[in-house]
Structures are given as C-alpha cells and as structure tokens.
Amino acid sequence: QPSTVYVDMDGSGRVKYTGGCHCGAVRFEVWAPVDLDVIDCNCSICVKKQNRHFIVPESHFKITSGEALLTTYTFNTHQAKHTFCSVCGVQSFYLPRSNPDGRGIAVHCLDPGTVRRVNIANFDGQNWEKSIEKDESIRKMSKE
C-alpha cells in the first residue's frame, strides 16, 4: 500500500517516508528531503546488492516492526553493519562505514508513490579510503 507523505512542520523540508523489506516483516520510517540524493557505490557489496542508498542521521530513522527478525553481516573492517530481513533476505537499510552516526536507506525499499525525485551520485567504493577523503559531503549526510 502506498505511504502518505507528511510535511515536517518545523520547516526543514523533510518528509516522512515509510518502507520495508519484500515480505513486509521489517518496516521502518525515515524523515528525509522530498528530493533524495542517492549514492551509487561501486564497492564489492554495493555492486552485488545494487545498493543505491541515501544517508540520514540516526535520529531521523525508526524501525517500526520486525527488529527481532534482522540479521547482520559484516566484512573487512566490520564497521559497516549490513542488516537484512532473516525471512526474505532484503536489506532495506544499514549502518554505513562512512556514517556510523546515521543510516543508509535503500531507496528502492521505500513505499511507492512518495518520492518526487532521486538524484544519483557515483561513489568510488573500490577505492574507499581515497574517495571518502575527497568527498566530505557524504560524512555530513548523517549530521543534524
């Protein structure tokens, strides 16, 4: 079912999105701009999962159901926490290495009918350390 767009009354320009995994067991809500700036990363895991995501501060994200059904996968530095539904296997969100104080939200897991526009920026995750140093805007995405 399509979600409803709610305008943030503090004038910040954020709206409330809802979304979840394929089976519907894991659900979440997130406050983010009406036009989403999405990262298309080419690191090994993002390529395999086609993980195009946007980042928000942790305070703008809430799991509304299914938290007990989440499973976490880590690799390499083990800083990123790739959470996915243990029932259907879909990763709707994760804790990014670049922003441990935020959440990376998979734009394709938002409920249909709420996103006005998606702006996609490529990120060279195959050269993560060099790329994150060059692009300071990513680390700022999880700040209030």
N, C-alpha and C. Protein backbone atom coordinates (compact mmCIF):
# COMPACT_ATOMS: atom_id res chain seq x y z
N GLN A 1 0.84 -1.18 0.00
CA GLN A 1 0.00 0.00 0.00
C GLN A 1 0.88 1.24 0.00
N PRO A 2 0.54 2.25 -0.79
CA PRO A 2 1.36 3.47 -0.85
C PRO A 2 1.36 4.20 0.49
N SER A 3 2.48 4.78 0.83
CA SER A 3 2.53 5.55 2.07
C SER A 3 2.04 6.96 1.82
N THR A 4 1.83 7.65 2.89
CA THR A 4 1.39 9.03 2.82
C THR A 4 2.59 9.93 3.08
N VAL A 5 2.68 11.04 2.37
CA VAL A 5 3.75 11.99 2.61
C VAL A 5 3.29 12.96 3.69
N TYR A 6 4.11 13.12 4.71
CA TYR A 6 3.83 14.07 5.78
C TYR A 6 4.87 15.17 5.73
N VAL A 7 4.46 16.40 5.77
CA VAL A 7 5.39 17.52 5.74
C VAL A 7 5.87 17.79 7.16
N ASP A 8 7.16 17.93 7.31
CA ASP A 8 7.76 18.23 8.60
C ASP A 8 7.37 19.65 8.99
N MET A 9 6.72 19.79 10.10
CA MET A 9 6.17 21.08 10.50
C MET A 9 7.22 22.07 10.98
N ASP A 10 8.47 21.63 11.15
CA ASP A 10 9.49 22.60 11.61
C ASP A 10 10.11 23.38 10.46
N GLY A 11 9.60 23.16 9.24
CA GLY A 11 10.07 23.92 8.10
C GLY A 11 11.40 23.44 7.55
N SER A 12 11.83 22.25 7.92
CA SER A 12 13.13 21.74 7.49
C SER A 12 13.12 21.23 6.06
N GLY A 13 11.94 21.00 5.50
CA GLY A 13 11.86 20.47 4.14
C GLY A 13 11.90 18.96 4.09
N ARG A 14 11.91 18.30 5.24
CA ARG A 14 11.91 16.84 5.27
C ARG A 14 10.47 16.31 5.25
N VAL A 15 10.33 15.12 4.71
CA VAL A 15 9.05 14.43 4.71
C VAL A 15 9.25 13.05 5.32
N LYS A 16 8.17 12.47 5.77
CA LYS A 16 8.22 11.13 6.36
C LYS A 16 7.95 10.10 5.28
N TYR A 17 8.91 9.21 5.09
CA TYR A 17 8.76 8.08 4.20
C TYR A 17 8.59 6.82 5.04
N THR A 18 7.88 5.84 4.50
CA THR A 18 7.81 4.53 5.12
C THR A 18 8.31 3.52 4.10
N GLY A 19 8.76 2.40 4.60
CA GLY A 19 9.26 1.38 3.71
C GLY A 19 9.50 0.09 4.45
N GLY A 20 10.05 -0.87 3.72
CA GLY A 20 10.33 -2.15 4.34
C GLY A 20 10.91 -3.15 3.38
N CYS A 21 11.04 -4.37 3.87
CA CYS A 21 11.61 -5.46 3.09
C CYS A 21 10.54 -6.06 2.17
N HIS A 22 10.90 -7.08 1.43
CA HIS A 22 9.99 -7.69 0.46
C HIS A 22 8.79 -8.37 1.12
N CYS A 23 9.03 -9.13 2.20
CA CYS A 23 7.94 -9.88 2.83
C CYS A 23 7.09 -9.02 3.76
N GLY A 24 7.57 -7.82 4.10
CA GLY A 24 6.82 -6.92 4.96
C GLY A 24 7.05 -7.11 6.44
N ALA A 25 7.90 -8.06 6.81
CA ALA A 25 8.16 -8.31 8.23
C ALA A 25 8.93 -7.16 8.89
N VAL A 26 9.87 -6.57 8.14
CA VAL A 26 10.66 -5.44 8.66
C VAL A 26 10.12 -4.17 8.03
N ARG A 27 9.73 -3.23 8.87
CA ARG A 27 9.18 -1.95 8.41
C ARG A 27 9.93 -0.83 9.11
N PHE A 28 9.99 0.33 8.45
CA PHE A 28 10.69 1.48 9.03
C PHE A 28 10.04 2.76 8.55
N GLU A 29 10.40 3.85 9.23
CA GLU A 29 10.05 5.19 8.76
C GLU A 29 11.30 6.04 8.83
N VAL A 30 11.37 7.00 7.92
CA VAL A 30 12.55 7.85 7.83
C VAL A 30 12.11 9.24 7.41
N TRP A 31 12.71 10.25 8.04
CA TRP A 31 12.48 11.65 7.66
C TRP A 31 13.65 12.07 6.79
N ALA A 32 13.35 12.50 5.57
CA ALA A 32 14.40 12.85 4.61
C ALA A 32 13.85 13.91 3.65
N PRO A 33 14.72 14.55 2.88
CA PRO A 33 14.25 15.56 1.92
C PRO A 33 13.30 14.96 0.89
N VAL A 34 12.43 15.78 0.35
CA VAL A 34 11.48 15.32 -0.66
C VAL A 34 12.22 14.89 -1.93
N ASP A 35 13.32 15.53 -2.25
CA ASP A 35 14.20 15.12 -3.35
C ASP A 35 15.40 14.43 -2.72
N LEU A 36 15.59 13.16 -3.06
CA LEU A 36 16.62 12.36 -2.39
C LEU A 36 17.93 12.34 -3.17
N ASP A 37 19.03 12.56 -2.46
CA ASP A 37 20.37 12.44 -3.03
C ASP A 37 20.89 11.05 -2.71
N VAL A 38 20.94 10.22 -3.73
CA VAL A 38 21.24 8.80 -3.59
C VAL A 38 22.67 8.52 -4.03
N ILE A 39 23.35 7.66 -3.29
CA ILE A 39 24.72 7.26 -3.58
C ILE A 39 24.68 5.92 -4.31
N ASP A 40 25.38 5.87 -5.44
CA ASP A 40 25.54 4.63 -6.19
C ASP A 40 27.01 4.24 -6.05
N CYS A 41 27.27 3.36 -5.11
CA CYS A 41 28.64 2.97 -4.76
C CYS A 41 29.04 1.72 -5.55
N ASN A 42 30.33 1.65 -5.91
CA ASN A 42 30.81 0.50 -6.66
C ASN A 42 31.71 -0.42 -5.82
N CYS A 43 31.58 -0.34 -4.49
CA CYS A 43 32.34 -1.28 -3.66
C CYS A 43 31.78 -2.69 -3.87
N SER A 44 32.49 -3.69 -3.38
CA SER A 44 32.13 -5.08 -3.68
C SER A 44 30.72 -5.45 -3.23
N ILE A 45 30.30 -5.01 -2.06
CA ILE A 45 28.98 -5.42 -1.57
C ILE A 45 27.86 -4.59 -2.20
N CYS A 46 28.09 -3.30 -2.41
CA CYS A 46 27.05 -2.46 -3.03
C CYS A 46 26.77 -2.92 -4.47
N VAL A 47 27.79 -3.32 -5.19
CA VAL A 47 27.60 -3.82 -6.55
C VAL A 47 26.78 -5.10 -6.53
N LYS A 48 27.12 -6.02 -5.67
CA LYS A 48 26.40 -7.30 -5.60
C LYS A 48 24.93 -7.10 -5.21
N LYS A 49 24.66 -6.13 -4.32
CA LYS A 49 23.29 -5.91 -3.85
C LYS A 49 22.56 -4.82 -4.62
N GLN A 50 23.28 -4.13 -5.55
CA GLN A 50 22.69 -2.97 -6.22
C GLN A 50 22.17 -1.99 -5.17
N ASN A 51 23.02 -1.71 -4.19
CA ASN A 51 22.66 -0.91 -3.02
C ASN A 51 22.77 0.59 -3.32
N ARG A 52 21.76 1.15 -3.95
CA ARG A 52 21.69 2.60 -4.12
C ARG A 52 20.95 3.14 -2.91
N HIS A 53 21.61 4.04 -2.17
CA HIS A 53 21.06 4.43 -0.87
C HIS A 53 21.29 5.92 -0.60
N PHE A 54 20.52 6.43 0.33
CA PHE A 54 20.74 7.78 0.85
C PHE A 54 20.98 7.66 2.34
N ILE A 55 21.66 8.65 2.90
CA ILE A 55 22.06 8.59 4.31
C ILE A 55 21.34 9.68 5.10
N VAL A 56 20.86 9.30 6.28
CA VAL A 56 20.19 10.24 7.18
C VAL A 56 20.79 10.09 8.58
N PRO A 57 20.64 11.11 9.42
CA PRO A 57 21.04 10.96 10.82
C PRO A 57 20.22 9.85 11.49
N GLU A 58 20.82 9.17 12.44
CA GLU A 58 20.13 8.11 13.16
C GLU A 58 18.81 8.59 13.75
N SER A 59 18.78 9.83 14.21
CA SER A 59 17.56 10.38 14.83
C SER A 59 16.41 10.55 13.84
N HIS A 60 16.67 10.45 12.54
CA HIS A 60 15.63 10.58 11.52
C HIS A 60 15.13 9.23 11.04
N PHE A 61 15.52 8.17 11.72
CA PHE A 61 15.19 6.80 11.31
C PHE A 61 14.59 6.02 12.47
N LYS A 62 13.59 5.20 12.16
CA LYS A 62 12.97 4.38 13.21
C LYS A 62 12.48 3.07 12.61
N ILE A 63 12.85 1.96 13.23
CA ILE A 63 12.31 0.66 12.86
C ILE A 63 10.94 0.56 13.53
N THR A 64 9.91 0.29 12.75
CA THR A 64 8.56 0.23 13.31
C THR A 64 8.07 -1.20 13.53
N SER A 65 8.67 -2.17 12.86
CA SER A 65 8.33 -3.57 13.14
C SER A 65 9.42 -4.49 12.58
N GLY A 66 9.54 -5.64 13.21
CA GLY A 66 10.43 -6.68 12.72
C GLY A 66 11.87 -6.59 13.16
N GLU A 67 12.19 -5.76 14.14
CA GLU A 67 13.59 -5.61 14.55
C GLU A 67 14.21 -6.95 14.96
N ALA A 68 13.43 -7.80 15.61
CA ALA A 68 13.94 -9.10 16.05
C ALA A 68 14.25 -10.03 14.88
N LEU A 69 13.74 -9.71 13.69
CA LEU A 69 13.98 -10.54 12.50
C LEU A 69 15.20 -10.11 11.70
N LEU A 70 15.87 -9.06 12.15
CA LEU A 70 17.05 -8.57 11.43
C LEU A 70 18.27 -9.43 11.72
N THR A 71 19.06 -9.66 10.69
CA THR A 71 20.33 -10.35 10.79
C THR A 71 21.39 -9.39 10.26
N THR A 72 22.58 -9.44 10.83
CA THR A 72 23.64 -8.51 10.45
C THR A 72 24.83 -9.25 9.84
N TYR A 73 25.33 -8.68 8.75
CA TYR A 73 26.52 -9.19 8.08
C TYR A 73 27.58 -8.10 8.09
N THR A 74 28.81 -8.47 8.42
CA THR A 74 29.94 -7.54 8.36
C THR A 74 31.10 -8.22 7.63
N PHE A 75 32.03 -7.44 7.15
CA PHE A 75 33.22 -7.97 6.49
C PHE A 75 34.31 -6.92 6.54
N ASN A 76 35.50 -7.27 6.13
CA ASN A 76 36.64 -6.37 6.02
C ASN A 76 36.87 -5.63 7.35
N THR A 77 36.56 -4.34 7.44
CA THR A 77 36.80 -3.58 8.68
C THR A 77 35.73 -3.84 9.74
N HIS A 78 34.63 -4.42 9.37
CA HIS A 78 33.49 -4.74 10.26
C HIS A 78 32.84 -3.48 10.84
N GLN A 79 33.10 -2.33 10.24
CA GLN A 79 32.48 -1.09 10.71
C GLN A 79 31.07 -0.94 10.17
N ALA A 80 30.86 -1.26 8.92
CA ALA A 80 29.50 -1.21 8.35
C ALA A 80 28.73 -2.41 8.86
N LYS A 81 27.47 -2.19 9.21
CA LYS A 81 26.59 -3.26 9.69
C LYS A 81 25.48 -3.42 8.66
N HIS A 82 25.60 -4.46 7.85
CA HIS A 82 24.64 -4.72 6.78
C HIS A 82 23.51 -5.58 7.35
N THR A 83 22.41 -4.93 7.71
CA THR A 83 21.28 -5.63 8.30
C THR A 83 20.30 -6.04 7.21
N PHE A 84 19.75 -7.23 7.36
CA PHE A 84 18.77 -7.70 6.38
C PHE A 84 17.72 -8.56 7.06
N CYS A 85 16.57 -8.68 6.43
CA CYS A 85 15.47 -9.47 6.95
C CYS A 85 15.84 -10.95 6.89
N SER A 86 15.72 -11.65 8.00
CA SER A 86 16.06 -13.07 8.04
C SER A 86 15.00 -13.93 7.36
N VAL A 87 13.85 -13.35 7.03
CA VAL A 87 12.79 -14.09 6.35
C VAL A 87 12.98 -14.03 4.83
N CYS A 88 13.08 -12.80 4.26
CA CYS A 88 13.15 -12.66 2.80
C CYS A 88 14.54 -12.28 2.28
N GLY A 89 15.45 -11.87 3.17
CA GLY A 89 16.82 -11.56 2.76
C GLY A 89 17.07 -10.16 2.24
N VAL A 90 16.06 -9.30 2.25
CA VAL A 90 16.22 -7.95 1.70
C VAL A 90 16.84 -7.00 2.73
N GLN A 91 17.84 -6.24 2.26
CA GLN A 91 18.43 -5.19 3.09
C GLN A 91 17.75 -3.88 2.75
N SER A 92 16.93 -3.38 3.65
CA SER A 92 16.22 -2.11 3.45
C SER A 92 17.04 -0.92 3.93
N PHE A 93 17.94 -1.17 4.86
CA PHE A 93 18.76 -0.12 5.47
C PHE A 93 19.98 -0.77 6.09
N TYR A 94 20.97 0.06 6.40
CA TYR A 94 22.18 -0.46 7.05
C TYR A 94 22.90 0.67 7.76
N LEU A 95 23.88 0.31 8.56
CA LEU A 95 24.73 1.27 9.25
C LEU A 95 26.00 1.43 8.43
N PRO A 96 26.17 2.58 7.75
CA PRO A 96 27.32 2.73 6.85
C PRO A 96 28.64 2.97 7.57
N ARG A 97 29.68 2.46 6.99
CA ARG A 97 31.04 2.69 7.50
C ARG A 97 31.37 4.19 7.51
N SER A 98 30.92 4.89 6.49
CA SER A 98 31.22 6.32 6.37
C SER A 98 30.49 7.17 7.40
N ASN A 99 29.35 6.67 7.88
CA ASN A 99 28.48 7.44 8.76
C ASN A 99 27.97 6.56 9.90
N PRO A 100 28.81 6.24 10.88
CA PRO A 100 28.36 5.37 11.97
C PRO A 100 27.28 6.02 12.85
N ASP A 101 27.05 7.31 12.66
CA ASP A 101 26.00 8.03 13.39
C ASP A 101 24.73 8.19 12.54
N GLY A 102 24.64 7.42 11.47
CA GLY A 102 23.49 7.55 10.57
C GLY A 102 23.02 6.21 10.07
N ARG A 103 22.11 6.25 9.11
CA ARG A 103 21.61 5.04 8.45
C ARG A 103 21.61 5.25 6.95
N GLY A 104 21.99 4.22 6.24
CA GLY A 104 21.87 4.20 4.79
C GLY A 104 20.56 3.52 4.44
N ILE A 105 19.72 4.20 3.70
CA ILE A 105 18.39 3.69 3.35
C ILE A 105 18.37 3.32 1.87
N ALA A 106 17.96 2.11 1.56
CA ALA A 106 17.83 1.67 0.17
C ALA A 106 16.59 2.34 -0.42
N VAL A 107 16.82 3.20 -1.39
CA VAL A 107 15.72 3.99 -1.96
C VAL A 107 14.63 3.10 -2.56
N HIS A 108 15.01 1.96 -3.09
CA HIS A 108 14.03 1.05 -3.71
C HIS A 108 13.17 0.32 -2.68
N CYS A 109 13.48 0.48 -1.39
CA CYS A 109 12.67 -0.14 -0.34
C CYS A 109 11.67 0.83 0.28
N LEU A 110 11.63 2.07 -0.22
CA LEU A 110 10.59 3.00 0.22
C LEU A 110 9.27 2.60 -0.44
N ASP A 111 8.17 2.84 0.28
CA ASP A 111 6.86 2.55 -0.30
C ASP A 111 6.64 3.40 -1.54
N PRO A 112 5.98 2.84 -2.54
CA PRO A 112 5.78 3.58 -3.79
C PRO A 112 4.89 4.81 -3.62
N GLY A 113 5.11 5.78 -4.51
CA GLY A 113 4.25 6.95 -4.57
C GLY A 113 4.62 8.11 -3.69
N THR A 114 5.81 8.08 -3.09
CA THR A 114 6.17 9.17 -2.17
C THR A 114 7.37 9.99 -2.61
N VAL A 115 8.22 9.43 -3.43
CA VAL A 115 9.46 10.11 -3.82
C VAL A 115 9.22 10.97 -5.05
N ARG A 116 9.54 12.25 -4.92
CA ARG A 116 9.36 13.16 -6.04
C ARG A 116 10.49 13.04 -7.05
N ARG A 117 11.73 13.00 -6.53
CA ARG A 117 12.89 12.94 -7.44
C ARG A 117 14.06 12.29 -6.72
N VAL A 118 14.85 11.55 -7.50
CA VAL A 118 16.07 10.92 -6.99
C VAL A 118 17.24 11.45 -7.81
N ASN A 119 18.22 12.03 -7.12
CA ASN A 119 19.46 12.48 -7.75
C ASN A 119 20.53 11.46 -7.38
N ILE A 120 21.19 10.87 -8.38
CA ILE A 120 22.16 9.81 -8.13
C ILE A 120 23.58 10.35 -8.32
N ALA A 121 24.43 10.09 -7.33
CA ALA A 121 25.85 10.45 -7.40
C ALA A 121 26.67 9.18 -7.28
N ASN A 122 27.64 9.01 -8.15
CA ASN A 122 28.51 7.84 -8.10
C ASN A 122 29.57 8.04 -7.02
N PHE A 123 29.91 6.92 -6.34
CA PHE A 123 30.95 6.93 -5.33
C PHE A 123 31.89 5.76 -5.61
N ASP A 124 33.19 6.03 -5.67
CA ASP A 124 34.17 5.01 -5.98
C ASP A 124 34.53 4.21 -4.73
N GLY A 125 33.67 3.28 -4.38
CA GLY A 125 33.87 2.46 -3.20
C GLY A 125 34.98 1.43 -3.36
N GLN A 126 35.40 1.18 -4.58
CA GLN A 126 36.55 0.28 -4.79
C GLN A 126 37.83 0.91 -4.27
N ASN A 127 37.84 2.23 -4.19
CA ASN A 127 38.95 2.99 -3.61
C ASN A 127 38.40 3.82 -2.45
N TRP A 128 37.79 3.14 -1.49
CA TRP A 128 37.00 3.77 -0.44
C TRP A 128 37.76 4.85 0.33
N GLU A 129 38.94 4.52 0.83
CA GLU A 129 39.69 5.47 1.67
C GLU A 129 39.99 6.77 0.93
N LYS A 130 40.47 6.67 -0.30
CA LYS A 130 40.76 7.87 -1.09
C LYS A 130 39.49 8.63 -1.43
N SER A 131 38.44 7.91 -1.76
CA SER A 131 37.19 8.56 -2.17
C SER A 131 36.52 9.30 -1.03
N ILE A 132 36.52 8.72 0.15
CA ILE A 132 35.85 9.36 1.29
C ILE A 132 36.62 10.61 1.72
N GLU A 133 37.94 10.61 1.54
CA GLU A 133 38.73 11.80 1.84
C GLU A 133 38.40 12.94 0.88
N LYS A 134 38.17 12.59 -0.40
CA LYS A 134 37.89 13.60 -1.42
C LYS A 134 36.47 14.16 -1.33
N ASP A 135 35.54 13.36 -0.86
CA ASP A 135 34.13 13.75 -0.85
C ASP A 135 33.62 13.87 0.58
N GLU A 136 33.82 15.03 1.20
CA GLU A 136 33.41 15.24 2.58
C GLU A 136 31.89 15.34 2.73
N SER A 137 31.17 15.53 1.65
CA SER A 137 29.71 15.69 1.74
C SER A 137 29.03 14.44 2.25
N ILE A 138 29.60 13.27 2.02
CA ILE A 138 28.96 12.03 2.48
C ILE A 138 28.94 11.97 4.00
N ARG A 139 30.04 12.28 4.63
CA ARG A 139 30.07 12.24 6.10
C ARG A 139 29.11 13.26 6.73
N LYS A 140 28.82 14.33 6.03
CA LYS A 140 27.90 15.36 6.54
C LYS A 140 26.43 14.93 6.47
N MET A 141 26.13 13.91 5.67
CA MET A 141 24.75 13.49 5.47
C MET A 141 24.09 12.98 6.75
N SER A 142 24.85 12.49 7.70
CA SER A 142 24.26 11.96 8.93
C SER A 142 24.26 12.97 10.06
N LYS A 143 24.61 14.19 9.77
CA LYS A 143 24.61 15.24 10.80
C LYS A 143 23.27 15.95 10.82
N GLU A 144 22.88 16.40 11.98
CA GLU A 144 21.60 17.13 12.13
C GLU A 144 21.62 18.44 11.39
